[in-house]
């Protein structure tokens, strides 16, 4: 046990005293905060840009439909022809020209309307113009059926059904998705930690193996103690680095947003961005300061202590499982190039957990896919954390599922450490030969 403590201390100090470790510990928050602040600042500048559109309306319709707002201004031309309007629009540097021809029927007017611009028009601009035409066409059709303008406006009233639990507590729209996103953030953090610091363990083993230092070290300690010391020491160094990142990044964000007068909500108000990118998250969150306060209250009602506790449990067990595999791979090869054939099968369950977890937990956190992946040991540290913000017990994750997933993780950890130690024990003294999967299976039988 004393030798294990010495190895852990040695690995920890070797990592935290490394120049690259120190540089990245303090440089990474600066880069991350700088990138986010730059995006927020550019989004703010983009929102301040106002497009000016000229309108040449020759019809008796749409005379009051196109009105200036915060992002788009309309300049109405009168008593000029289309060619002159085009030249004037280009000469004045306006964004585009909306031409509405004359006709007796609004359908014919809309059908022959054109939008002229120097380049391909922005989708949002065209969408706003088309919405005006669509509203006017719908109004005309309903008026032909005997409906008044007041009745038509009443049709646009938005209806939202009220929701509550059986106990009478009011619910908020999108709160389940918000909970899943919080759990997903925890799961994503685990995945990144495993990939980054599991790789550190693997590279550390390769370095000591190729420099032949390993031969001296194992003359004093058992290979299993050496492997566990590397895993735990690297984990402690990683936790230290993450803690510094979180504290420094939080302070930098606070200072940067105050200094540049940036509203953080500007990063979250671009719903069209995710839809244009093909991301269709089922989150329909209401806007407004009152709603933000409601969601903040709901956030603080979450079982945060329970989430942090289980995050640590799943984080430790998940990291120990995967880092043991990384250590075994590092012992089996002579250089980092040879690790490529083994890395993808390790990363695949983590990627699968993130993607399948998001799609299954968002839609149905208690469905068979979500439950299955939250019990499977190689994916449960991520998927289970996505389900846990709903709580444990009634309405949340059943107690038996949480207990089962932890038992399976512990059993898997014991089995994988035992197998990894057999590969590690033989591999650290093997040189000059690139191992295959067949050879690794032979080592497991020794």
Protein backbone atom coordinates (compact mmCIF):
# COMPACT_ATOMS: atom_id res chain seq x y z
CA UNK A 1 0.00 0.00 0.00
CA UNK A 2 2.88 2.36 0.81
CA UNK A 3 4.41 1.70 -2.60
CA UNK A 4 1.07 2.47 -4.25
CA UNK A 5 0.93 5.81 -2.43
CA UNK A 6 4.45 6.61 -3.59
CA UNK A 7 3.57 5.81 -7.21
CA UNK A 8 0.40 7.93 -7.02
CA UNK A 9 2.39 10.83 -5.54
CA UNK A 10 5.11 10.45 -8.18
CA UNK A 11 2.62 10.41 -11.06
CA UNK A 12 0.69 13.36 -9.66
CA UNK A 13 3.76 15.53 -9.15
CA UNK A 14 5.20 14.53 -12.53
CA UNK A 15 2.01 15.73 -14.22
CA UNK A 16 1.41 18.98 -12.35
CA UNK A 17 5.07 20.04 -12.60
CA UNK A 18 5.16 19.47 -16.34
CA UNK A 19 5.56 22.76 -18.25
CA UNK A 20 2.90 21.90 -20.86
CA UNK A 21 0.48 20.96 -18.07
CA UNK A 22 1.03 24.30 -16.32
CA UNK A 23 0.74 26.28 -19.54
CA UNK A 24 -2.47 24.56 -20.67
CA UNK A 25 -3.97 24.78 -17.17
CA UNK A 26 -3.89 28.58 -17.33
CA UNK A 27 -4.07 29.08 -21.11
CA UNK A 28 -7.10 26.83 -21.79
CA UNK A 29 -9.59 28.96 -19.77
CA UNK A 30 -8.33 32.07 -21.54
CA UNK A 31 -8.82 30.46 -24.96
CA UNK A 32 -12.23 29.03 -24.06
CA UNK A 33 -13.54 32.25 -22.53
CA UNK A 34 -12.06 34.27 -25.39
CA UNK A 35 -13.84 32.10 -27.96
CA UNK A 36 -17.21 32.32 -26.18
CA UNK A 37 -16.90 36.08 -25.62
CA UNK A 38 -15.94 36.57 -29.26
CA UNK A 39 -19.01 34.60 -30.41
CA UNK A 40 -21.24 36.60 -28.03
CA UNK A 41 -19.71 39.88 -29.16
CA UNK A 42 -20.11 39.02 -32.84
CA UNK A 43 -23.70 37.93 -32.19
CA UNK A 44 -24.32 41.28 -30.51
CA UNK A 45 -22.84 43.15 -33.49
CA UNK A 46 -24.89 41.01 -35.86
CA UNK A 47 -28.08 41.88 -33.97
CA UNK A 48 -27.26 45.57 -34.25
CA UNK A 49 -27.09 45.36 -38.04
CA UNK A 50 -30.25 46.79 -39.59
CA UNK A 51 -31.22 45.94 -43.15
CA UNK A 52 -32.96 48.60 -45.22
CA UNK A 53 -35.42 47.32 -47.82
CA UNK A 54 -37.05 49.53 -50.44
CA UNK A 55 -40.71 48.84 -51.24
CA UNK A 56 -42.31 49.73 -54.56
CA UNK A 57 -46.00 49.00 -54.07
CA UNK A 58 -48.17 49.65 -57.14
CA UNK A 59 -51.20 47.84 -55.73
CA UNK A 60 -53.94 48.87 -53.32
CA UNK A 61 -52.87 46.11 -50.93
CA UNK A 62 -49.99 45.89 -48.39
CA UNK A 63 -49.87 49.66 -47.88
CA UNK A 64 -49.49 49.28 -44.07
CA UNK A 65 -48.21 45.72 -43.77
CA UNK A 66 -44.47 46.36 -44.08
CA UNK A 67 -43.43 48.38 -41.04
CA UNK A 68 -39.98 49.09 -39.68
CA UNK A 69 -38.82 47.00 -36.71
CA UNK A 70 -35.56 46.50 -34.76
CA UNK A 71 -33.82 44.51 -37.49
CA UNK A 72 -35.44 45.63 -40.75
CA UNK A 73 -36.30 49.07 -42.04
CA UNK A 74 -38.65 49.72 -44.98
CA UNK A 75 -38.41 52.73 -47.30
CA UNK A 76 -41.42 53.17 -49.56
CA UNK A 77 -40.93 54.42 -53.13
CA UNK A 78 -43.77 56.18 -54.89
CA UNK A 79 -44.55 57.22 -58.45
CA UNK A 80 -41.47 55.70 -60.08
CA UNK A 81 -41.10 52.70 -62.35
CA UNK A 82 -39.40 49.42 -61.53
CA UNK A 83 -36.08 50.12 -63.30
CA UNK A 84 -35.65 53.46 -61.57
CA UNK A 85 -36.49 51.79 -58.25
CA UNK A 86 -33.81 49.15 -58.86
CA UNK A 87 -31.18 51.78 -59.68
CA UNK A 88 -32.16 53.88 -56.64
CA UNK A 89 -32.00 50.87 -54.34
CA UNK A 90 -28.54 49.89 -55.57
CA UNK A 91 -27.31 53.49 -55.53
CA UNK A 92 -28.47 54.10 -51.98
CA UNK A 93 -26.88 50.84 -50.79
CA UNK A 94 -30.15 49.31 -49.57
CA UNK A 95 -30.32 45.58 -48.91
CA UNK A 96 -32.99 44.90 -51.53
CA UNK A 97 -36.12 46.00 -53.34
CA UNK A 98 -39.56 44.48 -52.80
CA UNK A 99 -41.72 44.99 -55.89
CA UNK A 100 -45.49 44.58 -55.51
CA UNK A 101 -47.29 44.94 -58.89
CA UNK A 102 -50.77 46.29 -59.43
CA UNK A 103 -53.74 43.96 -59.80
CA UNK A 104 -57.36 43.71 -58.73
CA UNK A 105 -56.96 40.48 -56.76
CA UNK A 106 -54.53 40.04 -53.86
CA UNK A 107 -53.73 36.48 -55.02
CA UNK A 108 -52.52 37.78 -58.39
CA UNK A 109 -50.53 40.55 -56.69
CA UNK A 110 -48.76 38.10 -54.40
CA UNK A 111 -48.09 35.66 -57.22
CA UNK A 112 -46.28 38.30 -59.30
CA UNK A 113 -44.38 40.01 -56.47
CA UNK A 114 -40.58 39.95 -56.59
CA UNK A 115 -37.71 40.64 -54.23
CA UNK A 116 -34.57 42.01 -55.92
CA UNK A 117 -31.17 42.06 -54.23
CA UNK A 118 -27.52 42.25 -55.18
CA UNK A 119 -26.83 38.74 -53.94
CA UNK A 120 -28.93 35.80 -52.79
CA UNK A 121 -31.26 37.10 -50.09
CA UNK A 122 -31.02 36.02 -46.47
CA UNK A 123 -33.47 33.25 -45.55
CA UNK A 124 -34.79 35.08 -42.50
CA UNK A 125 -35.47 38.23 -44.56
CA UNK A 126 -37.41 36.28 -47.15
CA UNK A 127 -39.24 34.41 -44.39
CA UNK A 128 -40.45 37.66 -42.82
CA UNK A 129 -41.65 39.02 -46.16
CA UNK A 130 -43.38 35.76 -47.07
CA UNK A 131 -45.08 35.74 -43.65
CA UNK A 132 -46.63 39.15 -44.42
CA UNK A 133 -47.94 37.93 -47.77
CA UNK A 134 -49.22 34.69 -46.26
CA UNK A 135 -51.09 36.53 -43.50
CA UNK A 136 -52.69 38.89 -46.01
CA UNK A 137 -53.71 36.03 -48.32
CA UNK A 138 -55.22 34.09 -45.43
CA UNK A 139 -57.12 37.19 -44.30
CA UNK A 140 -58.52 37.73 -47.79
CA UNK A 141 -59.70 34.13 -48.10
CA UNK A 142 -61.41 34.26 -44.72
CA UNK A 143 -63.01 37.63 -45.51
CA UNK A 144 -64.42 36.10 -48.68
CA UNK A 145 -66.05 33.55 -46.36
CA UNK A 146 -67.56 36.33 -44.21
CA UNK A 147 -64.96 36.76 -41.46
CA UNK A 148 -64.04 40.26 -40.26
CA UNK A 149 -60.52 41.58 -39.68
CA UNK A 150 -61.07 41.56 -35.91
CA UNK A 151 -62.09 37.92 -35.97
CA UNK A 152 -59.04 37.09 -38.05
CA UNK A 153 -56.71 38.78 -35.56
CA UNK A 154 -58.35 36.77 -32.78
CA UNK A 155 -57.33 33.59 -34.60
CA UNK A 156 -53.69 34.44 -33.95
CA UNK A 157 -54.07 34.29 -30.17
CA UNK A 158 -51.61 31.74 -28.84
CA UNK A 159 -52.98 29.00 -26.63
CA UNK A 160 -50.92 27.29 -23.98
CA UNK A 161 -52.40 24.58 -21.82
CA UNK A 162 -51.57 24.71 -18.14
CA UNK A 163 -49.81 21.72 -16.67
CA UNK A 164 -49.39 20.48 -13.11
CA UNK A 165 -48.52 17.37 -11.17
CA UNK A 166 -51.16 15.28 -9.42
CA UNK A 167 -50.06 16.98 -6.20
CA UNK A 168 -51.05 20.35 -7.68
CA UNK A 169 -47.56 21.72 -8.38
CA UNK A 170 -47.39 23.74 -11.59
CA UNK A 171 -45.06 22.47 -14.30
CA UNK A 172 -43.05 24.44 -16.83
CA UNK A 173 -42.68 23.66 -20.52
CA UNK A 174 -39.37 22.11 -21.46
CA UNK A 175 -38.31 21.43 -17.88
CA UNK A 176 -37.72 17.73 -18.64
CA UNK A 177 -35.52 18.62 -21.59
CA UNK A 178 -33.68 21.16 -19.45
CA UNK A 179 -33.03 18.48 -16.83
CA UNK A 180 -31.76 16.09 -19.51
CA UNK A 181 -29.45 18.80 -20.86
CA UNK A 182 -27.99 19.37 -17.38
CA UNK A 183 -27.42 15.64 -16.99
CA UNK A 184 -25.98 15.52 -20.49
CA UNK A 185 -23.48 18.23 -19.55
CA UNK A 186 -22.29 16.06 -16.65
CA UNK A 187 -22.06 13.05 -18.95
CA UNK A 188 -20.16 15.00 -21.60
CA UNK A 189 -17.72 16.17 -18.92
CA UNK A 190 -17.07 12.55 -17.96
CA UNK A 191 -16.49 11.57 -21.58
CA UNK A 192 -13.99 14.39 -22.16
CA UNK A 193 -12.15 13.58 -18.93
CA UNK A 194 -11.88 9.90 -19.87
CA UNK A 195 -10.59 10.63 -23.37
CA UNK A 196 -8.09 13.31 -22.30
CA UNK A 197 -6.68 11.78 -19.14
CA UNK A 198 -7.02 8.18 -20.22
CA UNK A 199 -4.77 9.19 -23.10
CA UNK A 200 -2.33 10.69 -20.61
CA UNK A 201 -2.13 7.34 -18.80
CA UNK A 202 -1.51 5.51 -22.07
CA UNK A 203 1.21 7.93 -23.21
CA UNK A 204 2.90 7.81 -19.80
CA UNK A 205 3.14 4.01 -20.00
CA UNK A 206 4.49 4.16 -23.56
CA UNK A 207 7.16 6.73 -22.59
CA UNK A 208 8.41 4.68 -19.66
CA UNK A 209 8.33 1.50 -21.70
CA UNK A 210 10.31 2.89 -24.64
CA UNK A 211 12.88 4.54 -22.34
CA UNK A 212 13.32 1.21 -20.48
CA UNK A 213 12.69 2.92 -17.13
CA UNK A 214 9.85 0.48 -16.64
CA UNK A 215 12.33 -2.37 -16.21
CA UNK A 216 13.87 -0.64 -13.20
CA UNK A 217 10.52 0.33 -11.69
CA UNK A 218 8.95 -3.17 -11.79
CA UNK A 219 11.94 -4.59 -9.99
CA UNK A 220 10.65 -2.76 -6.90
CA UNK A 221 6.86 -2.78 -7.34
CA UNK A 222 4.27 -5.11 -8.79
CA UNK A 223 2.92 -4.29 -12.28
CA UNK A 224 -0.61 -4.03 -10.85
CA UNK A 225 0.51 -1.43 -8.30
CA UNK A 226 2.29 0.51 -11.01
CA UNK A 227 -0.77 0.49 -13.26
CA UNK A 228 -3.18 1.60 -10.50
CA UNK A 229 -0.72 4.25 -9.32
CA UNK A 230 -0.56 5.74 -12.81
CA UNK A 231 -4.35 5.69 -13.14
CA UNK A 232 -5.08 7.31 -9.77
CA UNK A 233 -2.19 9.80 -9.95
CA UNK A 234 -3.22 10.99 -13.40
CA UNK A 235 -6.85 11.24 -12.27
CA UNK A 236 -5.89 13.47 -9.32
CA UNK A 237 -3.83 15.69 -11.63
CA UNK A 238 -6.78 15.91 -13.99
CA UNK A 239 -9.20 16.82 -11.19
CA UNK A 240 -6.79 19.55 -10.06
CA UNK A 241 -6.64 20.93 -13.60
CA UNK A 242 -10.43 20.79 -14.05
CA UNK A 243 -10.99 22.59 -10.72
CA UNK A 244 -8.62 25.39 -11.77
CA UNK A 245 -10.37 25.59 -15.16
CA UNK A 246 -13.84 25.89 -13.63
CA UNK A 247 -12.87 28.57 -11.11
CA UNK A 248 -10.74 30.65 -13.50
CA UNK A 249 -13.21 30.34 -16.40
CA UNK A 250 -16.11 31.45 -14.18
CA UNK A 251 -14.19 34.54 -13.06
CA UNK A 252 -13.08 35.32 -16.61
CA UNK A 253 -16.63 35.00 -17.95
CA UNK A 254 -17.93 37.35 -15.27
CA UNK A 255 -15.24 39.96 -15.96
CA UNK A 256 -15.51 39.65 -19.76
CA UNK A 257 -19.30 40.04 -19.88
CA UNK A 258 -19.11 43.08 -17.62
CA UNK A 259 -16.22 44.60 -19.55
CA UNK A 260 -17.79 44.18 -23.01
CA UNK A 261 -21.37 44.76 -21.80
CA UNK A 262 -22.55 41.49 -23.32
CA UNK A 263 -25.82 39.87 -22.33
CA UNK A 264 -25.16 36.10 -21.98
CA UNK A 265 -28.68 35.37 -23.25
CA UNK A 266 -27.56 36.49 -26.72
CA UNK A 267 -25.97 33.04 -27.04
CA UNK A 268 -29.24 31.29 -26.32
CA UNK A 269 -31.67 33.38 -28.36
CA UNK A 270 -30.68 31.94 -31.74
CA UNK A 271 -33.22 29.16 -32.04
CA UNK A 272 -33.09 29.35 -35.81
CA UNK A 273 -29.38 28.54 -35.72
CA UNK A 274 -29.89 25.04 -34.36
CA UNK A 275 -32.78 24.34 -36.71
CA UNK A 276 -30.73 25.46 -39.71
CA UNK A 277 -27.95 23.13 -38.62
CA UNK A 278 -30.34 20.21 -38.54
CA UNK A 279 -30.54 19.98 -34.76
CA UNK A 280 -34.11 19.53 -33.66
CA UNK A 281 -34.18 19.58 -29.89
CA UNK A 282 -37.68 19.25 -28.51
CA UNK A 283 -37.35 22.30 -26.29
CA UNK A 284 -40.05 24.97 -26.48
CA UNK A 285 -39.06 27.35 -23.75
CA UNK A 286 -41.06 30.52 -23.19
CA UNK A 287 -39.24 33.83 -23.26
CA UNK A 288 -39.23 36.81 -20.97
CA UNK A 289 -37.64 37.76 -17.67
CA UNK A 290 -40.45 36.20 -15.67
CA UNK A 291 -39.97 32.86 -17.41
CA UNK A 292 -36.21 33.03 -16.88
CA UNK A 293 -36.82 33.51 -13.17
CA UNK A 294 -39.20 30.54 -13.16
CA UNK A 295 -36.60 28.34 -14.81
CA UNK A 296 -33.94 29.53 -12.37
CA UNK A 297 -36.23 28.59 -9.50
CA UNK A 298 -36.80 25.17 -11.06
CA UNK A 299 -33.04 24.76 -11.52
CA UNK A 300 -32.39 25.37 -7.83
CA UNK A 301 -35.15 22.89 -6.99
CA UNK A 302 -33.15 20.15 -8.70
CA UNK A 303 -31.50 17.62 -6.39
CA UNK A 304 -28.09 19.22 -6.91
CA UNK A 305 -26.44 17.45 -3.96
CA UNK A 306 -27.66 14.10 -5.25
CA UNK A 307 -26.50 14.92 -8.78
CA UNK A 308 -23.01 15.90 -7.62
CA UNK A 309 -22.76 12.76 -5.47
CA UNK A 310 -23.73 10.42 -8.28
CA UNK A 311 -21.59 12.39 -10.72
CA UNK A 312 -18.56 11.61 -8.54
CA UNK A 313 -19.56 7.93 -8.26
CA UNK A 314 -20.08 7.43 -11.99
CA UNK A 315 -17.11 9.63 -12.80
CA UNK A 316 -14.73 7.56 -10.64
CA UNK A 317 -16.02 4.17 -11.77
CA UNK A 318 -16.19 5.17 -15.45
CA UNK A 319 -12.71 6.67 -15.41
CA UNK A 320 -11.19 3.64 -13.65
CA UNK A 321 -12.72 1.26 -16.20
CA UNK A 322 -11.58 3.15 -19.28
CA UNK A 323 -8.19 4.25 -17.96
CA UNK A 324 -7.39 0.60 -17.13
CA UNK A 325 -7.99 -0.21 -20.79
CA UNK A 326 -5.84 2.75 -21.86
CA UNK A 327 -3.04 1.57 -19.56
CA UNK A 328 -3.22 -1.95 -21.00
CA UNK A 329 -3.02 -0.56 -24.55
CA UNK A 330 -0.04 1.61 -23.61
CA UNK A 331 1.77 -1.45 -22.21
CA UNK A 332 1.00 -3.55 -25.28
CA UNK A 333 2.49 -1.19 -27.91
CA UNK A 334 5.87 0.47 -28.45
CA UNK A 335 4.72 3.81 -29.87
CA UNK A 336 1.61 5.97 -30.07
CA UNK A 337 1.07 5.21 -33.76
CA UNK A 338 0.36 1.56 -32.96
CA UNK A 339 -2.43 2.54 -30.57
CA UNK A 340 -4.76 3.69 -33.36
CA UNK A 341 -6.14 0.21 -34.03
CA UNK A 342 -7.20 -0.08 -30.38
CA UNK A 343 -8.45 3.45 -29.63
CA UNK A 344 -11.60 3.50 -31.76
CA UNK A 345 -13.26 0.49 -30.02
CA UNK A 346 -12.71 2.32 -26.72
CA UNK A 347 -14.12 5.67 -27.83
CA UNK A 348 -17.09 4.12 -29.67
CA UNK A 349 -19.15 3.29 -26.52
CA UNK A 350 -18.56 6.83 -25.21
CA UNK A 351 -19.73 8.43 -28.46
CA UNK A 352 -22.68 6.06 -28.61
CA UNK A 353 -23.63 6.98 -25.05
CA UNK A 354 -23.64 10.71 -25.87
CA UNK A 355 -25.68 10.50 -29.08
CA UNK A 356 -28.08 7.72 -28.14
CA UNK A 357 -28.42 9.19 -24.65
CA UNK A 358 -29.47 12.59 -25.95
CA UNK A 359 -32.00 11.26 -28.44
CA UNK A 360 -33.49 8.61 -26.13
CA UNK A 361 -33.50 10.55 -22.85
CA UNK A 362 -34.92 13.71 -24.43
CA UNK A 363 -37.83 11.86 -25.97
CA UNK A 364 -38.48 9.19 -23.32
CA UNK A 365 -36.19 8.98 -20.27
CA UNK A 366 -37.94 5.81 -19.08
CA UNK A 367 -38.01 4.04 -22.45
CA UNK A 368 -36.25 0.73 -23.09
CA UNK A 369 -33.34 2.35 -24.99
CA UNK A 370 -32.63 4.89 -22.25
CA UNK A 371 -32.92 2.25 -19.53
CA UNK A 372 -30.77 -0.26 -21.40
CA UNK A 373 -27.93 2.17 -22.07
CA UNK A 374 -28.09 3.49 -18.50
CA UNK A 375 -27.50 -0.07 -17.21
CA UNK A 376 -24.82 -1.14 -19.71
CA UNK A 377 -21.51 -0.49 -17.86
CA UNK A 378 -19.62 1.11 -20.75
CA UNK A 379 -22.37 3.69 -21.37
CA UNK A 380 -24.12 4.01 -17.98
CA UNK A 381 -21.81 6.74 -16.54
CA UNK A 382 -23.09 9.10 -19.24
CA UNK A 383 -26.67 7.99 -19.93
CA UNK A 384 -27.63 7.47 -16.28
CA UNK A 385 -26.48 11.01 -15.46
CA UNK A 386 -28.85 12.30 -18.16
CA UNK A 387 -31.75 10.56 -16.39
CA UNK A 388 -30.88 11.40 -12.79
CA UNK A 389 -31.96 15.11 -12.84
CA UNK A 390 -35.55 13.77 -12.80
CA UNK A 391 -34.79 12.36 -9.36
CA UNK A 392 -34.73 8.87 -7.90
CA UNK A 393 -37.89 6.99 -7.05
CA UNK A 394 -41.41 7.98 -8.04
CA UNK A 395 -41.39 9.98 -11.27
CA UNK A 396 -37.65 9.55 -11.66
CA UNK A 397 -35.16 6.73 -12.07
CA UNK A 398 -36.25 3.61 -10.13
CA UNK A 399 -33.97 2.79 -7.21
CA UNK A 400 -33.28 -0.71 -8.51
CA UNK A 401 -31.94 0.66 -11.78
CA UNK A 402 -29.48 2.98 -10.02
CA UNK A 403 -28.28 0.20 -7.72
CA UNK A 404 -28.03 -2.27 -10.61
CA UNK A 405 -26.02 0.12 -12.77
CA UNK A 406 -23.54 0.82 -9.94
CA UNK A 407 -23.16 -2.90 -9.14
CA UNK A 408 -22.57 -3.64 -12.83
CA UNK A 409 -20.00 -0.84 -13.00
CA UNK A 410 -18.13 -2.16 -9.96
CA UNK A 411 -18.19 -5.71 -11.32
CA UNK A 412 -17.04 -4.51 -14.74
CA UNK A 413 -14.27 -2.45 -13.15
CA UNK A 414 -12.97 -5.48 -11.22
CA UNK A 415 -13.12 -7.68 -14.33
CA UNK A 416 -11.48 -5.13 -16.63
CA UNK A 417 -8.75 -4.25 -14.13
CA UNK A 418 -7.98 -7.94 -13.72
CA UNK A 419 -7.81 -8.44 -17.50
CA UNK A 420 -5.93 -5.19 -18.11
CA UNK A 421 -3.36 -6.07 -15.44
CA UNK A 422 -2.62 -9.37 -17.22
CA UNK A 423 -1.99 -7.53 -20.48
CA UNK A 424 -0.04 -4.83 -18.64
CA UNK A 425 2.16 -7.37 -16.81
CA UNK A 426 3.28 -9.02 -20.05
CA UNK A 427 3.11 -6.05 -22.43
CA UNK A 428 5.41 -3.70 -20.51
CA UNK A 429 8.35 -6.05 -21.16
CA UNK A 430 7.52 -6.77 -24.82
CA UNK A 431 9.51 -4.75 -27.37
CA UNK A 432 9.79 -4.53 -31.14
CA UNK A 433 6.56 -6.30 -32.00
CA UNK A 434 3.22 -4.78 -32.93
CA UNK A 435 0.56 -6.80 -31.05
CA UNK A 436 -2.63 -8.00 -32.68
CA UNK A 437 -5.98 -8.73 -31.07
CA UNK A 438 -5.15 -12.42 -31.28
CA UNK A 439 -1.93 -11.89 -29.33
CA UNK A 440 -3.74 -9.86 -26.67
CA UNK A 441 -6.18 -12.75 -26.15
CA UNK A 442 -3.23 -15.10 -25.69
CA UNK A 443 -1.78 -12.81 -23.00
CA UNK A 444 -5.09 -12.95 -21.13
CA UNK A 445 -4.68 -16.73 -20.70
CA UNK A 446 -1.22 -16.47 -19.10
